[in-house]
Amino acid sequence: MRDGVAPKNLQTPLAFNLTKYMENLMNAKSNVTPFVVNPDHIRAAVKHVVDTKEENLHEEVLALFEKPLLEEVLLVVRGNQTRAAAILGLNRGALRKKLKEHGLMK
């Protein structure tokens, strides 16, 4: 990966360690501040869906978080679907189905 920040174990999909990768990235880029998820922001997003939708709430909330998750993991693995599936705990067929559902793959 660029700037030499990828961990040595990046070569094998099942050995990829996302936490270690992010630590290496943060150490390499000292001007980058870590992203912190605020539970109140998540709760507010879920509440907005609950307040504005009358059906399919589960699907709407999952879609709210699933697409950005898929996008970020694909960025980390540079589009390698096999590695993305391993990181997400999915088989590659299930990942491809989700990518199509979210318009991330033709």
PDB file of N, CA and C in Angstrom:
ATOM      1  N   MET A   1       0.841  -1.170   0.000  1.00  0.00           N
ATOM      2  CA  MET A   1       0.000   0.000   0.000  1.00  0.00           C
ATOM      3  C   MET A   1       0.892   1.241   0.000  1.00  0.00           C
ATOM      4  N   ARG A   2       0.359   2.360  -0.442  1.00  0.00           N
ATOM      5  CA  ARG A   2       1.194   3.553  -0.585  1.00  0.00           C
ATOM      6  C   ARG A   2       1.751   4.011   0.752  1.00  0.00           C
ATOM      7  N   ASP A   3       2.845   4.721   0.700  1.00  0.00           N
ATOM      8  CA  ASP A   3       3.552   5.250   1.864  1.00  0.00           C
ATOM      9  C   ASP A   3       4.096   4.159   2.776  1.00  0.00           C
ATOM     10  N   GLY A   4       4.062   2.924   2.332  1.00  0.00           N
ATOM     11  CA  GLY A   4       4.645   1.837   3.111  1.00  0.00           C
ATOM     12  C   GLY A   4       3.997   1.633   4.464  1.00  0.00           C
ATOM     13  N   VAL A   5       2.687   1.861   4.591  1.00  0.00           N
ATOM     14  CA  VAL A   5       2.051   1.726   5.890  1.00  0.00           C
ATOM     15  C   VAL A   5       1.275   0.427   6.036  1.00  0.00           C
ATOM     16  N   ALA A   6       1.206  -0.376   4.989  1.00  0.00           N
ATOM     17  CA  ALA A   6       0.466  -1.628   5.093  1.00  0.00           C
ATOM     18  C   ALA A   6       1.227  -2.606   5.968  1.00  0.00           C
ATOM     19  N   PRO A   7       0.532  -3.369   6.796  1.00  0.00           N
ATOM     20  CA  PRO A   7       1.210  -4.345   7.628  1.00  0.00           C
ATOM     21  C   PRO A   7       1.805  -5.458   6.771  1.00  0.00           C
ATOM     22  N   LYS A   8       2.828  -6.127   7.295  1.00  0.00           N
ATOM     23  CA  LYS A   8       3.478  -7.193   6.550  1.00  0.00           C
ATOM     24  C   LYS A   8       2.523  -8.341   6.257  1.00  0.00           C
ATOM     25  N   ASN A   9       1.545  -8.567   7.126  1.00  0.00           N
ATOM     26  CA  ASN A   9       0.633  -9.687   6.925  1.00  0.00           C
ATOM     27  C   ASN A   9      -0.486  -9.365   5.937  1.00  0.00           C
ATOM     28  N   LEU A  10      -0.404  -8.254   5.232  1.00  0.00           N
ATOM     29  CA  LEU A  10      -1.419  -7.879   4.253  1.00  0.00           C
ATOM     30  C   LEU A  10      -1.437  -8.854   3.083  1.00  0.00           C
ATOM     31  N   GLN A  11      -0.375  -9.595   2.891  1.00  0.00           N
ATOM     32  CA  GLN A  11      -0.261 -10.485   1.741  1.00  0.00           C
ATOM     33  C   GLN A  11      -1.290 -11.613   1.765  1.00  0.00           C
ATOM     34  N   THR A  12      -1.705 -12.065   2.930  1.00  0.00           N
ATOM     35  CA  THR A  12      -2.670 -13.156   2.997  1.00  0.00           C
ATOM     36  C   THR A  12      -3.990 -12.635   3.529  1.00  0.00           C
ATOM     37  N   PRO A  13      -5.098 -12.903   2.793  1.00  0.00           N
ATOM     38  CA  PRO A  13      -6.397 -12.342   3.158  1.00  0.00           C
ATOM     39  C   PRO A  13      -6.842 -12.681   4.569  1.00  0.00           C
ATOM     40  N   LEU A  14      -6.666 -13.917   4.996  1.00  0.00           N
ATOM     41  CA  LEU A  14      -7.171 -14.300   6.305  1.00  0.00           C
ATOM     42  C   LEU A  14      -6.315 -13.765   7.438  1.00  0.00           C
ATOM     43  N   ALA A  15      -5.081 -13.386   7.133  1.00  0.00           N
ATOM     44  CA  ALA A  15      -4.194 -12.875   8.168  1.00  0.00           C
ATOM     45  C   ALA A  15      -4.285 -11.356   8.290  1.00  0.00           C
ATOM     46  N   PHE A  16      -5.052 -10.713   7.430  1.00  0.00           N
ATOM     47  CA  PHE A  16      -5.147  -9.258   7.465  1.00  0.00           C
ATOM     48  C   PHE A  16      -5.718  -8.804   8.801  1.00  0.00           C
ATOM     49  N   ASN A  17      -5.052  -7.865   9.416  1.00  0.00           N
ATOM     50  CA  ASN A  17      -5.467  -7.366  10.724  1.00  0.00           C
ATOM     51  C   ASN A  17      -5.829  -5.898  10.570  1.00  0.00           C
ATOM     52  N   LEU A  18      -7.127  -5.595  10.521  1.00  0.00           N
ATOM     53  CA  LEU A  18      -7.592  -4.237  10.277  1.00  0.00           C
ATOM     54  C   LEU A  18      -7.142  -3.288  11.376  1.00  0.00           C
ATOM     55  N   THR A  19      -7.175  -3.724  12.614  1.00  0.00           N
ATOM     56  CA  THR A  19      -6.754  -2.861  13.718  1.00  0.00           C
ATOM     57  C   THR A  19      -5.288  -2.477  13.570  1.00  0.00           C
ATOM     58  N   LYS A  20      -4.440  -3.451  13.275  1.00  0.00           N
ATOM     59  CA  LYS A  20      -3.011  -3.178  13.106  1.00  0.00           C
ATOM     60  C   LYS A  20      -2.784  -2.259  11.908  1.00  0.00           C
ATOM     61  N   TYR A  21      -3.520  -2.474  10.831  1.00  0.00           N
ATOM     62  CA  TYR A  21      -3.404  -1.619   9.657  1.00  0.00           C
ATOM     63  C   TYR A  21      -3.725  -0.170  10.031  1.00  0.00           C
ATOM     64  N   MET A  22      -4.812   0.040  10.760  1.00  0.00           N
ATOM     65  CA  MET A  22      -5.212   1.410  11.131  1.00  0.00           C
ATOM     66  C   MET A  22      -4.176   2.033  12.063  1.00  0.00           C
ATOM     67  N   GLU A  23      -3.613   1.243  12.979  1.00  0.00           N
ATOM     68  CA  GLU A  23      -2.560   1.758  13.857  1.00  0.00           C
ATOM     69  C   GLU A  23      -1.354   2.209  13.038  1.00  0.00           C
ATOM     70  N   ASN A  24      -0.950   1.384  12.073  1.00  0.00           N
ATOM     71  CA  ASN A  24       0.176   1.741  11.210  1.00  0.00           C
ATOM     72  C   ASN A  24      -0.127   2.997  10.407  1.00  0.00           C
ATOM     73  N   LEU A  25      -1.328   3.096   9.909  1.00  0.00           N
ATOM     74  CA  LEU A  25      -1.714   4.269   9.129  1.00  0.00           C
ATOM     75  C   LEU A  25      -1.676   5.523   9.989  1.00  0.00           C
ATOM     76  N   MET A  26      -2.194   5.416  11.207  1.00  0.00           N
ATOM     77  CA  MET A  26      -2.221   6.578  12.096  1.00  0.00           C
ATOM     78  C   MET A  26      -0.799   6.982  12.489  1.00  0.00           C
ATOM     79  N   ASN A  27       0.078   6.027  12.711  1.00  0.00           N
ATOM     80  CA  ASN A  27       1.461   6.340  13.061  1.00  0.00           C
ATOM     81  C   ASN A  27       2.203   6.986  11.901  1.00  0.00           C
ATOM     82  N   ALA A  28       1.884   6.582  10.683  1.00  0.00           N
ATOM     83  CA  ALA A  28       2.560   7.125   9.507  1.00  0.00           C
ATOM     84  C   ALA A  28       2.099   8.540   9.187  1.00  0.00           C
ATOM     85  N   LYS A  29       0.899   8.856   9.541  1.00  0.00           N
ATOM     86  CA  LYS A  29       0.336  10.164   9.224  1.00  0.00           C
ATOM     87  C   LYS A  29       0.053  10.902  10.535  1.00  0.00           C
ATOM     88  N   SER A  30       1.016  11.604  11.054  1.00  0.00           N
ATOM     89  CA  SER A  30       0.886  12.218  12.367  1.00  0.00           C
ATOM     90  C   SER A  30      -0.160  13.327  12.405  1.00  0.00           C
ATOM     91  N   ASN A  31      -0.495  13.912  11.246  1.00  0.00           N
ATOM     92  CA  ASN A  31      -1.478  14.994  11.244  1.00  0.00           C
ATOM     93  C   ASN A  31      -2.913  14.482  11.154  1.00  0.00           C
ATOM     94  N   VAL A  32      -3.089  13.155  11.121  1.00  0.00           N
ATOM     95  CA  VAL A  32      -4.416  12.574  11.043  1.00  0.00           C
ATOM     96  C   VAL A  32      -4.897  12.279  12.453  1.00  0.00           C
ATOM     97  N   THR A  33      -6.108  12.708  12.767  1.00  0.00           N
ATOM     98  CA  THR A  33      -6.663  12.395  14.079  1.00  0.00           C
ATOM     99  C   THR A  33      -7.552  11.168  13.953  1.00  0.00           C
ATOM    100  N   PRO A  34      -7.573  10.309  14.946  1.00  0.00           N
ATOM    101  CA  PRO A  34      -8.386   9.101  14.854  1.00  0.00           C
ATOM    102  C   PRO A  34      -9.872   9.440  14.792  1.00  0.00           C
ATOM    103  N   PHE A  35     -10.581   8.656  14.036  1.00  0.00           N
ATOM    104  CA  PHE A  35     -12.027   8.819  13.924  1.00  0.00           C
ATOM    105  C   PHE A  35     -12.679   8.116  15.098  1.00  0.00           C
ATOM    106  N   VAL A  36     -13.527   8.828  15.800  1.00  0.00           N
ATOM    107  CA  VAL A  36     -14.218   8.265  16.951  1.00  0.00           C
ATOM    108  C   VAL A  36     -15.710   8.274  16.673  1.00  0.00           C
ATOM    109  N   VAL A  37     -16.342   7.141  16.828  1.00  0.00           N
ATOM    110  CA  VAL A  37     -17.780   7.033  16.614  1.00  0.00           C
ATOM    111  C   VAL A  37     -18.481   7.437  17.896  1.00  0.00           C
ATOM    112  N   ASN A  38     -19.345   8.403  17.771  1.00  0.00           N
ATOM    113  CA  ASN A  38     -20.116   8.859  18.910  1.00  0.00           C
ATOM    114  C   ASN A  38     -21.433   8.079  18.934  1.00  0.00           C
ATOM    115  N   PRO A  39     -21.677   7.283  19.973  1.00  0.00           N
ATOM    116  CA  PRO A  39     -22.920   6.499  20.036  1.00  0.00           C
ATOM    117  C   PRO A  39     -24.173   7.365  19.936  1.00  0.00           C
ATOM    118  N   ASP A  40     -24.098   8.606  20.408  1.00  0.00           N
ATOM    119  CA  ASP A  40     -25.261   9.492  20.312  1.00  0.00           C
ATOM    120  C   ASP A  40     -25.583   9.823  18.861  1.00  0.00           C
ATOM    121  N   HIS A  41     -24.557   9.926  18.021  1.00  0.00           N
ATOM    122  CA  HIS A  41     -24.793  10.196  16.600  1.00  0.00           C
ATOM    123  C   HIS A  41     -25.458   8.998  15.928  1.00  0.00           C
ATOM    124  N   ILE A  42     -25.012   7.805  16.305  1.00  0.00           N
ATOM    125  CA  ILE A  42     -25.633   6.601  15.755  1.00  0.00           C
ATOM    126  C   ILE A  42     -27.085   6.526  16.201  1.00  0.00           C
ATOM    127  N   ARG A  43     -27.300   6.768  17.479  1.00  0.00           N
ATOM    128  CA  ARG A  43     -28.671   6.728  18.005  1.00  0.00           C
ATOM    129  C   ARG A  43     -29.551   7.754  17.305  1.00  0.00           C
ATOM    130  N   ALA A  44     -29.017   8.945  17.053  1.00  0.00           N
ATOM    131  CA  ALA A  44     -29.784   9.989  16.369  1.00  0.00           C
ATOM    132  C   ALA A  44     -30.141   9.567  14.947  1.00  0.00           C
ATOM    133  N   ALA A  45     -29.199   8.927  14.259  1.00  0.00           N
ATOM    134  CA  ALA A  45     -29.465   8.466  12.895  1.00  0.00           C
ATOM    135  C   ALA A  45     -30.556   7.392  12.900  1.00  0.00           C
ATOM    136  N   VAL A  46     -30.468   6.465  13.849  1.00  0.00           N
ATOM    137  CA  VAL A  46     -31.486   5.416  13.953  1.00  0.00           C
ATOM    138  C   VAL A  46     -32.836   6.028  14.312  1.00  0.00           C
ATOM    139  N   LYS A  47     -32.845   6.960  15.239  1.00  0.00           N
ATOM    140  CA  LYS A  47     -34.093   7.622  15.637  1.00  0.00           C
ATOM    141  C   LYS A  47     -34.740   8.336  14.456  1.00  0.00           C
ATOM    142  N   HIS A  48     -33.919   8.975  13.631  1.00  0.00           N
ATOM    143  CA  HIS A  48     -34.453   9.668  12.453  1.00  0.00           C
ATOM    144  C   HIS A  48     -35.184   8.689  11.532  1.00  0.00           C
ATOM    145  N   VAL A  49     -34.578   7.512  11.323  1.00  0.00           N
ATOM    146  CA  VAL A  49     -35.220   6.508  10.474  1.00  0.00           C
ATOM    147  C   VAL A  49     -36.519   6.047  11.110  1.00  0.00           C
ATOM    148  N   VAL A  50     -36.490   5.783  12.413  1.00  0.00           N
ATOM    149  CA  VAL A  50     -37.692   5.324  13.117  1.00  0.00           C
ATOM    150  C   VAL A  50     -38.796   6.376  13.053  1.00  0.00           C
ATOM    151  N   ASP A  51     -38.434   7.646  13.198  1.00  0.00           N
ATOM    152  CA  ASP A  51     -39.420   8.714  13.188  1.00  0.00           C
ATOM    153  C   ASP A  51     -39.999   9.006  11.803  1.00  0.00           C
ATOM    154  N   THR A  52     -39.250   8.683  10.756  1.00  0.00           N
ATOM    155  CA  THR A  52     -39.696   9.060   9.415  1.00  0.00           C
ATOM    156  C   THR A  52     -40.202   7.900   8.577  1.00  0.00           C
ATOM    157  N   LYS A  53     -40.031   6.686   9.019  1.00  0.00           N
ATOM    158  CA  LYS A  53     -40.466   5.511   8.256  1.00  0.00           C
ATOM    159  C   LYS A  53     -41.514   4.735   9.039  1.00  0.00           C
ATOM    160  N   GLU A  54     -42.420   4.119   8.305  1.00  0.00           N
ATOM    161  CA  GLU A  54     -43.462   3.340   8.968  1.00  0.00           C
ATOM    162  C   GLU A  54     -43.309   1.842   8.736  1.00  0.00           C
ATOM    163  N   GLU A  55     -42.446   1.464   7.801  1.00  0.00           N
ATOM    164  CA  GLU A  55     -42.233   0.043   7.548  1.00  0.00           C
ATOM    165  C   GLU A  55     -40.799  -0.186   7.085  1.00  0.00           C
ATOM    166  N   ASN A  56     -40.392  -1.436   7.123  1.00  0.00           N
ATOM    167  CA  ASN A  56     -39.033  -1.827   6.726  1.00  0.00           C
ATOM    168  C   ASN A  56     -37.949  -1.120   7.545  1.00  0.00           C
ATOM    169  N   LEU A  57     -38.209  -0.857   8.808  1.00  0.00           N
ATOM    170  CA  LEU A  57     -37.243  -0.141   9.648  1.00  0.00           C
ATOM    171  C   LEU A  57     -35.914  -0.893   9.754  1.00  0.00           C
ATOM    172  N   HIS A  58     -35.990  -2.187   9.954  1.00  0.00           N
ATOM    173  CA  HIS A  58     -34.767  -2.974  10.097  1.00  0.00           C
ATOM    174  C   HIS A  58     -33.916  -2.836   8.842  1.00  0.00           C
ATOM    175  N   GLU A  59     -34.519  -2.987   7.688  1.00  0.00           N
ATOM    176  CA  GLU A  59     -33.795  -2.878   6.417  1.00  0.00           C
ATOM    177  C   GLU A  59     -33.218  -1.475   6.224  1.00  0.00           C
ATOM    178  N   GLU A  60     -33.974  -0.452   6.577  1.00  0.00           N
ATOM    179  CA  GLU A  60     -33.516   0.932   6.429  1.00  0.00           C
ATOM    180  C   GLU A  60     -32.308   1.232   7.319  1.00  0.00           C
ATOM    181  N   VAL A  61     -32.377   0.782   8.561  1.00  0.00           N
ATOM    182  CA  VAL A  61     -31.266   1.043   9.486  1.00  0.00           C
ATOM    183  C   VAL A  61     -30.025   0.265   9.063  1.00  0.00           C
ATOM    184  N   LEU A  62     -30.208  -0.989   8.667  1.00  0.00           N
ATOM    185  CA  LEU A  62     -29.055  -1.764   8.200  1.00  0.00           C
ATOM    186  C   LEU A  62     -28.422  -1.096   6.975  1.00  0.00           C
ATOM    187  N   ALA A  63     -29.242  -0.637   6.056  1.00  0.00           N
ATOM    188  CA  ALA A  63     -28.725   0.021   4.855  1.00  0.00           C
ATOM    189  C   ALA A  63     -27.959   1.290   5.208  1.00  0.00           C
ATOM    190  N   LEU A  64     -28.395   1.971   6.231  1.00  0.00           N
ATOM    191  CA  LEU A  64     -27.745   3.206   6.667  1.00  0.00           C
ATOM    192  C   LEU A  64     -26.275   2.957   7.037  1.00  0.00           C
ATOM    193  N   PHE A  65     -25.992   1.818   7.639  1.00  0.00           N
ATOM    194  CA  PHE A  65     -24.639   1.520   8.100  1.00  0.00           C
ATOM    195  C   PHE A  65     -23.890   0.532   7.197  1.00  0.00           C
ATOM    196  N   GLU A  66     -24.625  -0.327   6.514  1.00  0.00           N
ATOM    197  CA  GLU A  66     -23.978  -1.374   5.737  1.00  0.00           C
ATOM    198  C   GLU A  66     -23.214  -0.819   4.526  1.00  0.00           C
ATOM    199  N   LYS A  67     -23.801   0.095   3.779  1.00  0.00           N
ATOM    200  CA  LYS A  67     -23.126   0.614   2.591  1.00  0.00           C
ATOM    201  C   LYS A  67     -21.809   1.314   2.942  1.00  0.00           C
ATOM    202  N   PRO A  68     -21.800   2.238   3.922  1.00  0.00           N
ATOM    203  CA  PRO A  68     -20.507   2.848   4.276  1.00  0.00           C
ATOM    204  C   PRO A  68     -19.485   1.829   4.778  1.00  0.00           C
ATOM    205  N   LEU A  69     -19.933   0.811   5.492  1.00  0.00           N
ATOM    206  CA  LEU A  69     -19.024  -0.235   5.957  1.00  0.00           C
ATOM    207  C   LEU A  69     -18.397  -0.957   4.768  1.00  0.00           C
ATOM    208  N   LEU A  70     -19.215  -1.340   3.816  1.00  0.00           N
ATOM    209  CA  LEU A  70     -18.701  -2.019   2.627  1.00  0.00           C
ATOM    210  C   LEU A  70     -17.721  -1.134   1.868  1.00  0.00           C
ATOM    211  N   GLU A  71     -18.061   0.130   1.708  1.00  0.00           N
ATOM    212  CA  GLU A  71     -17.188   1.058   0.995  1.00  0.00           C
ATOM    213  C   GLU A  71     -15.829   1.193   1.675  1.00  0.00           C
ATOM    214  N   GLU A  72     -15.841   1.353   2.986  1.00  0.00           N
ATOM    215  CA  GLU A  72     -14.583   1.538   3.718  1.00  0.00           C
ATOM    216  C   GLU A  72     -13.705   0.295   3.682  1.00  0.00           C
ATOM    217  N   VAL A  73     -14.309  -0.869   3.863  1.00  0.00           N
ATOM    218  CA  VAL A  73     -13.520  -2.100   3.828  1.00  0.00           C
ATOM    219  C   VAL A  73     -12.933  -2.305   2.438  1.00  0.00           C
ATOM    220  N   LEU A  74     -13.711  -2.028   1.391  1.00  0.00           N
ATOM    221  CA  LEU A  74     -13.183  -2.158   0.032  1.00  0.00           C
ATOM    222  C   LEU A  74     -12.026  -1.200  -0.211  1.00  0.00           C
ATOM    223  N   LEU A  75     -12.094  -0.021   0.366  1.00  0.00           N
ATOM    224  CA  LEU A  75     -10.973   0.910   0.233  1.00  0.00           C
ATOM    225  C   LEU A  75      -9.719   0.361   0.910  1.00  0.00           C
ATOM    226  N   VAL A  76      -9.889  -0.186   2.088  1.00  0.00           N
ATOM    227  CA  VAL A  76      -8.753  -0.713   2.850  1.00  0.00           C
ATOM    228  C   VAL A  76      -8.067  -1.852   2.086  1.00  0.00           C
ATOM    229  N   VAL A  77      -8.859  -2.701   1.441  1.00  0.00           N
ATOM    230  CA  VAL A  77      -8.289  -3.859   0.740  1.00  0.00           C
ATOM    231  C   VAL A  77      -8.107  -3.586  -0.753  1.00  0.00           C
ATOM    232  N   ARG A  78      -8.219  -2.343  -1.120  1.00  0.00           N
ATOM    233  CA  ARG A  78      -8.029  -1.911  -2.512  1.00  0.00           C
ATOM    234  C   ARG A  78      -8.879  -2.707  -3.486  1.00  0.00           C
ATOM    235  N   GLY A  79     -10.142  -2.941  -3.111  1.00  0.00           N
ATOM    236  CA  GLY A  79     -11.098  -3.590  -4.001  1.00  0.00           C
ATOM    237  C   GLY A  79     -11.040  -5.103  -4.039  1.00  0.00           C
ATOM    238  N   ASN A  80     -10.169  -5.712  -3.278  1.00  0.00           N
ATOM    239  CA  ASN A  80     -10.045  -7.164  -3.280  1.00  0.00           C
ATOM    240  C   ASN A  80     -11.231  -7.763  -2.529  1.00  0.00           C
ATOM    241  N   GLN A  81     -12.167  -8.345  -3.282  1.00  0.00           N
ATOM    242  CA  GLN A  81     -13.400  -8.852  -2.679  1.00  0.00           C
ATOM    243  C   GLN A  81     -13.162 -10.062  -1.785  1.00  0.00           C
ATOM    244  N   THR A  82     -12.192 -10.871  -2.098  1.00  0.00           N
ATOM    245  CA  THR A  82     -11.903 -12.032  -1.252  1.00  0.00           C
ATOM    246  C   THR A  82     -11.450 -11.575   0.131  1.00  0.00           C
ATOM    247  N   ARG A  83     -10.552 -10.609   0.175  1.00  0.00           N
ATOM    248  CA  ARG A  83     -10.080 -10.091   1.468  1.00  0.00           C
ATOM    249  C   ARG A  83     -11.194  -9.338   2.183  1.00  0.00           C
ATOM    250  N   ALA A  84     -11.987  -8.561   1.439  1.00  0.00           N
ATOM    251  CA  ALA A  84     -13.105  -7.836   2.057  1.00  0.00           C
ATOM    252  C   ALA A  84     -14.082  -8.811   2.698  1.00  0.00           C
ATOM    253  N   ALA A  85     -14.406  -9.880   1.991  1.00  0.00           N
ATOM    254  CA  ALA A  85     -15.333 -10.878   2.530  1.00  0.00           C
ATOM    255  C   ALA A  85     -14.780 -11.501   3.807  1.00  0.00           C
ATOM    256  N   ALA A  86     -13.487 -11.801   3.818  1.00  0.00           N
ATOM    257  CA  ALA A  86     -12.872 -12.397   5.010  1.00  0.00           C
ATOM    258  C   ALA A  86     -12.942 -11.438   6.195  1.00  0.00           C
ATOM    259  N   ILE A  87     -12.646 -10.170   5.960  1.00  0.00           N
ATOM    260  CA  ILE A  87     -12.690  -9.171   7.038  1.00  0.00           C
ATOM    261  C   ILE A  87     -14.103  -9.021   7.587  1.00  0.00           C
ATOM    262  N   LEU A  88     -15.084  -9.042   6.697  1.00  0.00           N
ATOM    263  CA  LEU A  88     -16.478  -8.841   7.105  1.00  0.00           C
ATOM    264  C   LEU A  88     -17.126 -10.108   7.653  1.00  0.00           C
ATOM    265  N   GLY A  89     -16.450 -11.254   7.502  1.00  0.00           N
ATOM    266  CA  GLY A  89     -17.026 -12.512   7.979  1.00  0.00           C
ATOM    267  C   GLY A  89     -18.119 -13.036   7.058  1.00  0.00           C
ATOM    268  N   LEU A  90     -18.010 -12.712   5.768  1.00  0.00           N
ATOM    269  CA  LEU A  90     -18.985 -13.159   4.771  1.00  0.00           C
ATOM    270  C   LEU A  90     -18.284 -14.060   3.766  1.00  0.00           C
ATOM    271  N   ASN A  91     -19.069 -14.867   3.058  1.00  0.00           N
ATOM    272  CA  ASN A  91     -18.456 -15.547   1.919  1.00  0.00           C
ATOM    273  C   ASN A  91     -18.503 -14.578   0.746  1.00  0.00           C
ATOM    274  N   ARG A  92     -17.703 -14.837  -0.270  1.00  0.00           N
ATOM    275  CA  ARG A  92     -17.565 -13.881  -1.362  1.00  0.00           C
ATOM    276  C   ARG A  92     -18.875 -13.691  -2.118  1.00  0.00           C
ATOM    277  N   GLY A  93     -19.667 -14.747  -2.233  1.00  0.00           N
ATOM    278  CA  GLY A  93     -20.963 -14.638  -2.912  1.00  0.00           C
ATOM    279  C   GLY A  93     -21.903 -13.696  -2.168  1.00  0.00           C
ATOM    280  N   ALA A  94     -21.929 -13.804  -0.842  1.00  0.00           N
ATOM    281  CA  ALA A  94     -22.783 -12.916  -0.039  1.00  0.00           C
ATOM    282  C   ALA A  94     -22.302 -11.472  -0.146  1.00  0.00           C
ATOM    283  N   LEU A  95     -20.982 -11.277  -0.152  1.00  0.00           N
ATOM    284  CA  LEU A  95     -20.448  -9.925  -0.310  1.00  0.00           C
ATOM    285  C   LEU A  95     -20.857  -9.350  -1.653  1.00  0.00           C
ATOM    286  N   ARG A  96     -20.718 -10.121  -2.725  1.00  0.00           N
ATOM    287  CA  ARG A  96     -21.067  -9.639  -4.060  1.00  0.00           C
ATOM    288  C   ARG A  96     -22.553  -9.275  -4.127  1.00  0.00           C
ATOM    289  N   LYS A  97     -23.389 -10.058  -3.477  1.00  0.00           N
ATOM    290  CA  LYS A  97     -24.832  -9.767  -3.456  1.00  0.00           C
ATOM    291  C   LYS A  97     -25.077  -8.425  -2.763  1.00  0.00           C
ATOM    292  N   LYS A  98     -24.421  -8.197  -1.638  1.00  0.00           N
ATOM    293  CA  LYS A  98     -24.588  -6.933  -0.911  1.00  0.00           C
ATOM    294  C   LYS A  98     -24.049  -5.750  -1.726  1.00  0.00           C
ATOM    295  N   LEU A  99     -22.927  -5.951  -2.420  1.00  0.00           N
ATOM    296  CA  LEU A  99     -22.381  -4.889  -3.253  1.00  0.00           C
ATOM    297  C   LEU A  99     -23.366  -4.504  -4.356  1.00  0.00           C
ATOM    298  N   LYS A 100     -23.998  -5.498  -4.953  1.00  0.00           N
ATOM    299  CA  LYS A 100     -24.996  -5.230  -5.990  1.00  0.00           C
ATOM    300  C   LYS A 100     -26.212  -4.517  -5.402  1.00  0.00           C
ATOM    301  N   GLU A 101     -26.676  -4.959  -4.242  1.00  0.00           N
ATOM    302  CA  GLU A 101     -27.836  -4.351  -3.587  1.00  0.00           C
ATOM    303  C   GLU A 101     -27.610  -2.867  -3.299  1.00  0.00           C
ATOM    304  N   HIS A 102     -26.382  -2.507  -2.961  1.00  0.00           N
ATOM    305  CA  HIS A 102     -26.053  -1.122  -2.608  1.00  0.00           C
ATOM    306  C   HIS A 102     -25.522  -0.323  -3.794  1.00  0.00           C
ATOM    307  N   GLY A 103     -25.564  -0.922  -4.975  1.00  0.00           N
ATOM    308  CA  GLY A 103     -25.109  -0.217  -6.166  1.00  0.00           C
ATOM    309  C   GLY A 103     -23.601   0.013  -6.203  1.00  0.00           C
ATOM    310  N   LEU A 104     -22.856  -0.838  -5.523  1.00  0.00           N
ATOM    311  CA  LEU A 104     -21.416  -0.719  -5.492  1.00  0.00           C
ATOM    312  C   LEU A 104     -20.745  -1.639  -6.508  1.00  0.00           C
ATOM    313  N   MET A 105     -21.562  -2.392  -7.226  1.00  0.00           N
ATOM    314  CA  MET A 105     -21.041  -3.310  -8.230  1.00  0.00           C
ATOM    315  C   MET A 105     -22.115  -3.491  -9.297  1.00  0.00           C
ATOM    316  N   LYS A 106     -21.683  -3.585 -10.546  1.00  0.00           N
ATOM    317  CA  LYS A 106     -22.655  -3.783 -11.641  1.00  0.00           C
ATOM    318  C   LYS A 106     -23.146  -5.196 -11.682  1.00  0.00           C
TER     319      LYS A 106
END
